[in-house]
PDB file of all heavy atoms in Angstrom:
ATOM      1  N   ARG A   1       0.818  -1.170   0.000  1.00  0.00           N
ATOM      2  CA  ARG A   1       0.007   0.003   0.021  1.00  0.00           C
ATOM      3  C   ARG A   1       0.872   1.234  -0.016  1.00  0.00           C
ATOM      4  O   ARG A   1       0.385   2.315  -0.462  1.00  0.00           O
ATOM      5  CB  ARG A   1      -0.964  -0.011   1.187  1.00  0.00           C
ATOM      6  CG  ARG A   1      -2.111  -1.020   1.016  1.00  0.00           C
ATOM      7  CD  ARG A   1      -3.010  -1.074   2.253  1.00  0.00           C
ATOM      8  NE  ARG A   1      -4.164  -1.943   1.907  1.00  0.00           N
ATOM      9  CZ  ARG A   1      -4.574  -2.887   2.671  1.00  0.00           C
ATOM     10  NH1 ARG A   1      -3.981  -3.266   3.762  1.00  0.00           N
ATOM     11  NH2 ARG A   1      -5.676  -3.614   2.281  1.00  0.00           N
ATOM     12  N   ARG A   2       2.058   1.149   0.497  1.00  0.00           N
ATOM     13  CA  ARG A   2       2.990   2.326   0.450  1.00  0.00           C
ATOM     14  C   ARG A   2       3.704   2.318  -0.935  1.00  0.00           C
ATOM     15  O   ARG A   2       3.766   3.489  -1.524  1.00  0.00           O
ATOM     16  CB  ARG A   2       4.056   2.195   1.541  1.00  0.00           C
ATOM     17  CG  ARG A   2       3.601   2.418   2.954  1.00  0.00           C
ATOM     18  CD  ARG A   2       4.757   2.597   3.833  1.00  0.00           C
ATOM     19  NE  ARG A   2       5.741   1.503   3.769  1.00  0.00           N
ATOM     20  CZ  ARG A   2       5.702   0.390   4.515  1.00  0.00           C
ATOM     21  NH1 ARG A   2       4.715   0.235   5.401  1.00  0.00           N
ATOM     22  NH2 ARG A   2       6.591  -0.531   4.350  1.00  0.00           N
ATOM     23  N   GLN A   3       4.167   1.258  -1.392  1.00  0.00           N
ATOM     24  CA  GLN A   3       5.098   1.272  -2.536  1.00  0.00           C
ATOM     25  C   GLN A   3       4.450   1.408  -3.865  1.00  0.00           C
ATOM     26  O   GLN A   3       4.922   2.144  -4.741  1.00  0.00           O
ATOM     27  CB  GLN A   3       6.008   0.012  -2.523  1.00  0.00           C
ATOM     28  CG  GLN A   3       5.315  -1.303  -2.719  1.00  0.00           C
ATOM     29  CD  GLN A   3       6.091  -2.541  -2.417  1.00  0.00           C
ATOM     30  OE1 GLN A   3       5.551  -3.606  -2.269  1.00  0.00           O
ATOM     31  NE2 GLN A   3       7.383  -2.418  -2.189  1.00  0.00           N
ATOM     32  N   ILE A   4       3.288   0.800  -4.096  1.00  0.00           N
ATOM     33  CA  ILE A   4       2.674   0.735  -5.418  1.00  0.00           C
ATOM     34  C   ILE A   4       2.210   2.187  -5.870  1.00  0.00           C
ATOM     35  O   ILE A   4       2.513   2.557  -6.999  1.00  0.00           O
ATOM     36  CB  ILE A   4       1.638  -0.249  -5.607  1.00  0.00           C
ATOM     37  CG1 ILE A   4       2.149  -1.680  -5.285  1.00  0.00           C
ATOM     38  CG2 ILE A   4       1.035  -0.245  -7.016  1.00  0.00           C
ATOM     39  CD1 ILE A   4       1.175  -2.807  -5.387  1.00  0.00           C
ATOM     40  N   PRO A   5       1.466   2.920  -5.108  1.00  0.00           N
ATOM     41  CA  PRO A   5       1.119   4.275  -5.489  1.00  0.00           C
ATOM     42  C   PRO A   5       2.388   5.140  -5.825  1.00  0.00           C
ATOM     43  O   PRO A   5       2.306   5.959  -6.781  1.00  0.00           O
ATOM     44  CB  PRO A   5       0.305   4.857  -4.345  1.00  0.00           C
ATOM     45  CG  PRO A   5      -0.232   3.647  -3.655  1.00  0.00           C
ATOM     46  CD  PRO A   5       0.808   2.583  -3.802  1.00  0.00           C
ATOM     47  N   GLU A   6       3.400   4.996  -5.122  1.00  0.00           N
ATOM     48  CA  GLU A   6       4.614   5.797  -5.366  1.00  0.00           C
ATOM     49  C   GLU A   6       5.256   5.380  -6.693  1.00  0.00           C
ATOM     50  O   GLU A   6       5.715   6.145  -7.464  1.00  0.00           O
ATOM     51  CB  GLU A   6       5.645   5.583  -4.241  1.00  0.00           C
ATOM     52  CG  GLU A   6       5.226   6.134  -2.902  1.00  0.00           C
ATOM     53  CD  GLU A   6       6.190   5.831  -1.783  1.00  0.00           C
ATOM     54  OE1 GLU A   6       7.182   5.117  -2.079  1.00  0.00           O
ATOM     55  OE2 GLU A   6       5.955   6.225  -0.616  1.00  0.00           O
ATOM     56  N   LEU A   7       5.201   4.062  -6.954  1.00  0.00           N
ATOM     57  CA  LEU A   7       5.773   3.543  -8.245  1.00  0.00           C
ATOM     58  C   LEU A   7       4.929   3.965  -9.417  1.00  0.00           C
ATOM     59  O   LEU A   7       5.517   4.254 -10.510  1.00  0.00           O
ATOM     60  CB  LEU A   7       5.830   2.000  -8.210  1.00  0.00           C
ATOM     61  CG  LEU A   7       6.871   1.430  -7.213  1.00  0.00           C
ATOM     62  CD1 LEU A   7       6.763  -0.089  -7.214  1.00  0.00           C
ATOM     63  CD2 LEU A   7       8.315   1.863  -7.617  1.00  0.00           C
ATOM     64  N   ILE A   8       3.650   4.113  -9.259  1.00  0.00           N
ATOM     65  CA  ILE A   8       2.759   4.572 -10.361  1.00  0.00           C
ATOM     66  C   ILE A   8       3.164   6.036 -10.673  1.00  0.00           C
ATOM     67  O   ILE A   8       3.253   6.357 -11.850  1.00  0.00           O
ATOM     68  CB  ILE A   8       1.268   4.475  -9.957  1.00  0.00           C
ATOM     69  CG1 ILE A   8       0.827   2.963  -9.851  1.00  0.00           C
ATOM     70  CG2 ILE A   8       0.403   5.219 -10.965  1.00  0.00           C
ATOM     71  CD1 ILE A   8      -0.518   2.775  -9.206  1.00  0.00           C
ATOM     72  N   ALA A   9       3.302   6.844  -9.637  1.00  0.00           N
ATOM     73  CA  ALA A   9       3.672   8.212  -9.887  1.00  0.00           C
ATOM     74  C   ALA A   9       5.034   8.270 -10.575  1.00  0.00           C
ATOM     75  O   ALA A   9       5.216   9.141 -11.510  1.00  0.00           O
ATOM     76  CB  ALA A   9       3.696   8.980  -8.558  1.00  0.00           C
ATOM     77  N   LEU A  10       6.021   7.571 -10.114  1.00  0.00           N
ATOM     78  CA  LEU A  10       7.376   7.579 -10.684  1.00  0.00           C
ATOM     79  C   LEU A  10       7.326   7.139 -12.146  1.00  0.00           C
ATOM     80  O   LEU A  10       7.979   7.727 -13.000  1.00  0.00           O
ATOM     81  CB  LEU A  10       8.316   6.669  -9.894  1.00  0.00           C
ATOM     82  CG  LEU A  10       8.786   7.161  -8.560  1.00  0.00           C
ATOM     83  CD1 LEU A  10       9.552   6.066  -7.815  1.00  0.00           C
ATOM     84  CD2 LEU A  10       9.641   8.406  -8.639  1.00  0.00           C
ATOM     85  N   SER A  11       6.519   6.076 -12.409  1.00  0.00           N
ATOM     86  CA  SER A  11       6.470   5.547 -13.738  1.00  0.00           C
ATOM     87  C   SER A  11       5.852   6.525 -14.729  1.00  0.00           C
ATOM     88  O   SER A  11       6.331   6.707 -15.850  1.00  0.00           O
ATOM     89  CB  SER A  11       5.684   4.243 -13.759  1.00  0.00           C
ATOM     90  OG  SER A  11       5.693   3.663 -15.047  1.00  0.00           O
ATOM     91  N   ARG A  12       4.777   7.220 -14.269  1.00  0.00           N
ATOM     92  CA  ARG A  12       4.116   8.218 -15.148  1.00  0.00           C
ATOM     93  C   ARG A  12       5.147   9.329 -15.524  1.00  0.00           C
ATOM     94  O   ARG A  12       5.139   9.824 -16.637  1.00  0.00           O
ATOM     95  CB  ARG A  12       2.894   8.695 -14.521  1.00  0.00           C
ATOM     96  CG  ARG A  12       1.803   7.695 -14.351  1.00  0.00           C
ATOM     97  CD  ARG A  12       0.397   8.293 -14.356  1.00  0.00           C
ATOM     98  NE  ARG A  12      -0.621   7.302 -14.080  1.00  0.00           N
ATOM     99  CZ  ARG A  12      -1.069   6.450 -14.953  1.00  0.00           C
ATOM    100  NH1 ARG A  12      -0.608   6.480 -16.251  1.00  0.00           N
ATOM    101  NH2 ARG A  12      -2.011   5.545 -14.644  1.00  0.00           N
ATOM    102  N   LYS A  13       5.915   9.717 -14.541  1.00  0.00           N
ATOM    103  CA  LYS A  13       6.943  10.751 -14.751  1.00  0.00           C
ATOM    104  C   LYS A  13       8.008  10.319 -15.759  1.00  0.00           C
ATOM    105  O   LYS A  13       8.299  11.002 -16.693  1.00  0.00           O
ATOM    106  CB  LYS A  13       7.581  11.156 -13.428  1.00  0.00           C
ATOM    107  CG  LYS A  13       8.593  12.326 -13.555  1.00  0.00           C
ATOM    108  CD  LYS A  13       9.083  12.762 -12.213  1.00  0.00           C
ATOM    109  CE  LYS A  13      10.063  13.940 -12.342  1.00  0.00           C
ATOM    110  NZ  LYS A  13      10.552  14.340 -10.975  1.00  0.00           N
ATOM    111  N   VAL A  14       8.539   9.051 -15.531  1.00  0.00           N
ATOM    112  CA  VAL A  14       9.565   8.602 -16.428  1.00  0.00           C
ATOM    113  C   VAL A  14       9.025   8.420 -17.875  1.00  0.00           C
ATOM    114  O   VAL A  14       9.621   8.776 -18.878  1.00  0.00           O
ATOM    115  CB  VAL A  14      10.102   7.237 -15.914  1.00  0.00           C
ATOM    116  CG1 VAL A  14      10.975   6.543 -17.003  1.00  0.00           C
ATOM    117  CG2 VAL A  14      10.891   7.429 -14.645  1.00  0.00           C
ATOM    118  N   GLU A  15       7.820   7.891 -17.941  1.00  0.00           N
ATOM    119  CA  GLU A  15       7.213   7.635 -19.360  1.00  0.00           C
ATOM    120  C   GLU A  15       6.972   9.007 -19.989  1.00  0.00           C
ATOM    121  O   GLU A  15       7.058   9.073 -21.244  1.00  0.00           O
ATOM    122  CB  GLU A  15       5.919   6.900 -19.192  1.00  0.00           C
ATOM    123  CG  GLU A  15       6.111   5.466 -18.803  1.00  0.00           C
ATOM    124  CD  GLU A  15       4.798   4.622 -18.747  1.00  0.00           C
ATOM    125  OE1 GLU A  15       4.187   4.490 -19.774  1.00  0.00           O
ATOM    126  OE2 GLU A  15       4.466   4.184 -17.629  1.00  0.00           O
ATOM    127  N   ALA A  16       6.611  10.084 -19.273  1.00  0.00           N
ATOM    128  CA  ALA A  16       6.382  11.343 -19.871  1.00  0.00           C
ATOM    129  C   ALA A  16       7.658  12.097 -20.229  1.00  0.00           C
ATOM    130  O   ALA A  16       7.831  12.539 -21.338  1.00  0.00           O
ATOM    131  CB  ALA A  16       5.531  12.189 -18.919  1.00  0.00           C
ATOM    132  N   VAL A  17       8.607  12.104 -19.321  1.00  0.00           N
ATOM    133  CA  VAL A  17       9.857  12.821 -19.573  1.00  0.00           C
ATOM    134  C   VAL A  17      10.754  12.226 -20.614  1.00  0.00           C
ATOM    135  O   VAL A  17      11.402  12.842 -21.422  1.00  0.00           O
ATOM    136  CB  VAL A  17      10.683  13.012 -18.241  1.00  0.00           C
ATOM    137  CG1 VAL A  17      11.977  13.572 -18.461  1.00  0.00           C
ATOM    138  CG2 VAL A  17       9.840  13.873 -17.238  1.00  0.00           C
ATOM    139  N   HIS A  18      10.756  10.812 -20.640  1.00  0.00           N
ATOM    140  CA  HIS A  18      11.591  10.091 -21.535  1.00  0.00           C
ATOM    141  C   HIS A  18      10.827   9.394 -22.627  1.00  0.00           C
ATOM    142  O   HIS A  18      11.194   8.301 -23.085  1.00  0.00           O
ATOM    143  CB  HIS A  18      12.417   9.086 -20.749  1.00  0.00           C
ATOM    144  CG  HIS A  18      13.272   9.689 -19.652  1.00  0.00           C
ATOM    145  ND1 HIS A  18      14.459  10.321 -19.925  1.00  0.00           N
ATOM    146  CD2 HIS A  18      13.099   9.783 -18.341  1.00  0.00           C
ATOM    147  CE1 HIS A  18      14.932  10.762 -18.835  1.00  0.00           C
ATOM    148  NE2 HIS A  18      14.114  10.465 -17.803  1.00  0.00           N
ATOM    149  N   ALA A  19       9.701  10.001 -23.077  1.00  0.00           N
ATOM    150  CA  ALA A  19       8.827   9.365 -24.057  1.00  0.00           C
ATOM    151  C   ALA A  19       9.537   8.976 -25.372  1.00  0.00           C
ATOM    152  O   ALA A  19       9.222   7.973 -25.990  1.00  0.00           O
ATOM    153  CB  ALA A  19       7.701  10.380 -24.433  1.00  0.00           C
ATOM    154  N   GLY A  20      10.574   9.699 -25.728  1.00  0.00           N
ATOM    155  CA  GLY A  20      11.344   9.349 -26.949  1.00  0.00           C
ATOM    156  C   GLY A  20      12.474   8.353 -26.771  1.00  0.00           C
ATOM    157  O   GLY A  20      13.131   8.000 -27.810  1.00  0.00           O
ATOM    158  N   HIS A  21      12.693   7.946 -25.581  1.00  0.00           N
ATOM    159  CA  HIS A  21      13.852   7.039 -25.319  1.00  0.00           C
ATOM    160  C   HIS A  21      13.459   5.593 -25.744  1.00  0.00           C
ATOM    161  O   HIS A  21      12.358   5.158 -25.488  1.00  0.00           O
ATOM    162  CB  HIS A  21      14.199   7.048 -23.809  1.00  0.00           C
ATOM    163  CG  HIS A  21      15.480   6.426 -23.485  1.00  0.00           C
ATOM    164  ND1 HIS A  21      15.780   5.088 -23.625  1.00  0.00           N
ATOM    165  CD2 HIS A  21      16.651   7.023 -23.065  1.00  0.00           C
ATOM    166  CE1 HIS A  21      16.945   4.841 -23.270  1.00  0.00           C
ATOM    167  NE2 HIS A  21      17.597   6.051 -22.889  1.00  0.00           N
ATOM    168  N   PRO A  22      14.356   4.936 -26.498  1.00  0.00           N
ATOM    169  CA  PRO A  22      14.008   3.596 -26.992  1.00  0.00           C
ATOM    170  C   PRO A  22      13.743   2.551 -25.917  1.00  0.00           C
ATOM    171  O   PRO A  22      13.100   1.525 -26.196  1.00  0.00           O
ATOM    172  CB  PRO A  22      15.256   3.217 -27.897  1.00  0.00           C
ATOM    173  CG  PRO A  22      16.350   4.078 -27.376  1.00  0.00           C
ATOM    174  CD  PRO A  22      15.697   5.357 -26.941  1.00  0.00           C
ATOM    175  N   GLU A  23      14.275   2.815 -24.707  1.00  0.00           N
ATOM    176  CA  GLU A  23      14.117   1.839 -23.633  1.00  0.00           C
ATOM    177  C   GLU A  23      13.070   2.297 -22.579  1.00  0.00           C
ATOM    178  O   GLU A  23      12.975   1.675 -21.525  1.00  0.00           O
ATOM    179  CB  GLU A  23      15.424   1.557 -22.981  1.00  0.00           C
ATOM    180  CG  GLU A  23      16.414   0.862 -23.898  1.00  0.00           C
ATOM    181  CD  GLU A  23      17.733   0.642 -23.187  1.00  0.00           C
ATOM    182  OE1 GLU A  23      17.762  -0.154 -22.166  1.00  0.00           O
ATOM    183  OE2 GLU A  23      18.801   1.059 -23.669  1.00  0.00           O
ATOM    184  N   VAL A  24      12.314   3.332 -22.865  1.00  0.00           N
ATOM    185  CA  VAL A  24      11.355   3.809 -21.956  1.00  0.00           C
ATOM    186  C   VAL A  24      10.300   2.652 -21.706  1.00  0.00           C
ATOM    187  O   VAL A  24       9.826   2.010 -22.650  1.00  0.00           O
ATOM    188  CB  VAL A  24      10.615   5.090 -22.387  1.00  0.00           C
ATOM    189  CG1 VAL A  24       9.740   4.764 -23.594  1.00  0.00           C
ATOM    190  CG2 VAL A  24       9.809   5.685 -21.232  1.00  0.00           C
ATOM    191  N   PRO A  25       9.902   2.399 -20.448  1.00  0.00           N
ATOM    192  CA  PRO A  25       8.972   1.325 -20.181  1.00  0.00           C
ATOM    193  C   PRO A  25       7.530   1.731 -20.469  1.00  0.00           C
ATOM    194  O   PRO A  25       6.734   1.889 -19.499  1.00  0.00           O
ATOM    195  CB  PRO A  25       9.220   1.003 -18.694  1.00  0.00           C
ATOM    196  CG  PRO A  25       9.584   2.313 -18.148  1.00  0.00           C
ATOM    197  CD  PRO A  25      10.440   2.982 -19.192  1.00  0.00           C
ATOM    198  N   GLY A  26       7.169   1.863 -21.722  1.00  0.00           N
ATOM    199  CA  GLY A  26       5.833   2.282 -22.034  1.00  0.00           C
ATOM    200  C   GLY A  26       4.788   1.310 -21.567  1.00  0.00           C
ATOM    201  O   GLY A  26       4.904   0.110 -21.758  1.00  0.00           O
ATOM    202  N   GLY A  27       3.798   1.811 -20.900  1.00  0.00           N
ATOM    203  CA  GLY A  27       2.746   0.969 -20.369  1.00  0.00           C
ATOM    204  C   GLY A  27       2.932   0.511 -18.894  1.00  0.00           C
ATOM    205  O   GLY A  27       2.058  -0.152 -18.329  1.00  0.00           O
ATOM    206  N   LEU A  28       4.096   0.844 -18.355  1.00  0.00           N
ATOM    207  CA  LEU A  28       4.378   0.386 -17.034  1.00  0.00           C
ATOM    208  C   LEU A  28       3.421   0.985 -15.956  1.00  0.00           C
ATOM    209  O   LEU A  28       2.939   0.299 -15.087  1.00  0.00           O
ATOM    210  CB  LEU A  28       5.874   0.717 -16.659  1.00  0.00           C
ATOM    211  CG  LEU A  28       6.277   0.293 -15.235  1.00  0.00           C
ATOM    212  CD1 LEU A  28       6.138  -1.184 -15.031  1.00  0.00           C
ATOM    213  CD2 LEU A  28       7.757   0.723 -15.012  1.00  0.00           C
ATOM    214  N   ALA A  29       3.157   2.245 -16.087  1.00  0.00           N
ATOM    215  CA  ALA A  29       2.247   2.932 -15.158  1.00  0.00           C
ATOM    216  C   ALA A  29       0.843   2.252 -15.183  1.00  0.00           C
ATOM    217  O   ALA A  29       0.252   2.015 -14.136  1.00  0.00           O
ATOM    218  CB  ALA A  29       2.151   4.400 -15.377  1.00  0.00           C
TER     219      ALA A  29
END
């Protein structure tokens, strides 16, 4: 309950900021 909401927020940030990166984990959030 602590870790997953934090990971969702981190993943959305990484997917948005690094959208053009070939190794971005698209769909992870």
